[in-house]
Protein backbone atom coordinates (compact mmCIF):
# COMPACT_ATOMS: atom_id res chain seq x y z
CA MET A 1 87.84 97.16 69.81
CA LYS A 2 89.91 100.21 70.69
CA GLU A 3 87.18 101.40 73.06
CA ILE A 4 87.26 98.09 74.89
CA ASN A 5 91.05 98.19 75.19
CA ASP A 6 90.89 101.76 76.47
CA GLU A 7 88.28 100.74 79.04
CA ILE A 8 90.44 97.81 80.18
CA LYS A 9 93.44 100.12 80.58
CA THR A 10 91.34 102.56 82.61
CA LEU A 11 89.98 99.79 84.83
CA ASN A 12 93.46 98.37 85.42
CA PHE A 13 94.75 101.83 86.29
CA ASN A 14 91.86 102.36 88.71
CA LYS A 15 92.46 98.94 90.25
CA LEU A 16 96.13 99.77 90.86
CA ASN A 17 95.22 103.13 92.40
CA LEU A 18 92.67 101.48 94.66
CA LYS A 19 95.21 98.88 95.76
CA LEU A 20 97.74 101.60 96.61
CA TYR A 21 95.09 103.58 98.46
CA LEU A 22 94.00 100.54 100.48
CA ARG A 23 97.62 99.70 101.29
CA GLU A 24 98.16 103.19 102.69
CA ILE A 25 95.00 102.94 104.79
CA TYR A 26 96.14 99.58 106.18
CA TYR A 27 99.60 101.02 106.94
CA LYS A 28 97.98 103.88 108.83
CA MET A 29 95.83 101.44 110.77
CA LEU A 30 98.94 99.50 111.80
CA ARG A 31 100.76 102.67 112.82
CA THR A 32 97.97 103.81 115.14
CA ASN A 33 98.91 101.11 117.66
CA ASP A 34 95.34 101.21 118.92
CA GLU A 35 94.90 98.58 121.64
CA ALA A 36 91.26 98.09 120.65
CA MET A 37 92.46 97.06 117.21
CA LEU A 38 94.70 94.33 118.60
CA GLU A 39 91.98 91.80 119.37
CA ASN A 40 90.40 91.18 115.96
CA GLY A 41 91.87 94.00 113.97
CA LEU A 42 95.26 92.42 113.38
CA VAL A 43 93.71 89.30 111.93
CA TRP A 44 91.50 91.45 109.71
CA LEU A 45 94.47 93.55 108.60
CA ILE A 46 96.60 90.51 107.77
CA LYS A 47 93.76 89.12 105.66
CA ALA A 48 93.27 92.53 104.04
CA PHE A 49 96.93 92.67 103.01
CA TRP A 50 96.62 89.18 101.55
CA PHE A 51 93.47 90.15 99.68
CA ILE A 52 95.33 92.90 97.82
CA ASN A 53 98.40 90.65 97.36
CA GLU A 54 100.67 92.81 99.50
CA GLU A 55 103.39 91.72 101.83
CA ILE A 56 102.69 92.31 105.49
CA PRO A 57 105.25 94.74 106.94
CA PHE A 58 106.24 93.47 110.39
CA GLU A 59 107.97 96.74 111.20
CA LEU A 60 104.63 98.57 111.12
CA PHE A 61 102.97 96.26 113.62
CA PRO A 62 102.47 97.52 117.16
CA LYS A 63 105.60 97.24 119.31
CA SER A 64 103.75 94.84 121.62
CA ILE A 65 103.86 92.25 118.80
CA ASP A 66 107.28 90.65 118.56
CA GLN A 67 108.63 88.76 115.55
CA GLN A 68 107.74 85.36 117.01
CA THR A 69 104.13 86.39 117.70
CA PHE A 70 103.87 87.91 114.23
CA GLU A 71 105.09 84.70 112.59
CA PHE A 72 102.69 82.65 114.74
CA LEU A 73 99.75 84.80 113.62
CA ILE A 74 100.71 84.30 109.99
CA GLU A 75 101.10 80.54 110.39
CA VAL A 76 97.76 80.16 112.16
CA LEU A 77 95.97 82.24 109.54
CA ILE A 78 97.55 80.28 106.70
CA GLU A 79 96.07 77.09 108.14
CA PHE A 80 92.55 78.57 108.07
């Protein structure tokens, strides 16, 4: 039983580390402000943040996306 509990602890630790690693990658992707990423990449990134249960930081979005556009994207994606 102890072995199973130890394995669960290890897996949970690895899961947390993976989540933190993915979050940092997504943050870097947002900070690049790559215009090519704007078409489908923002939708993908929003979904990726949701998948790892992370809040989506508006302040990291490209400057061409204002608060109103950001909120619209979120609302539209919630409906799908």
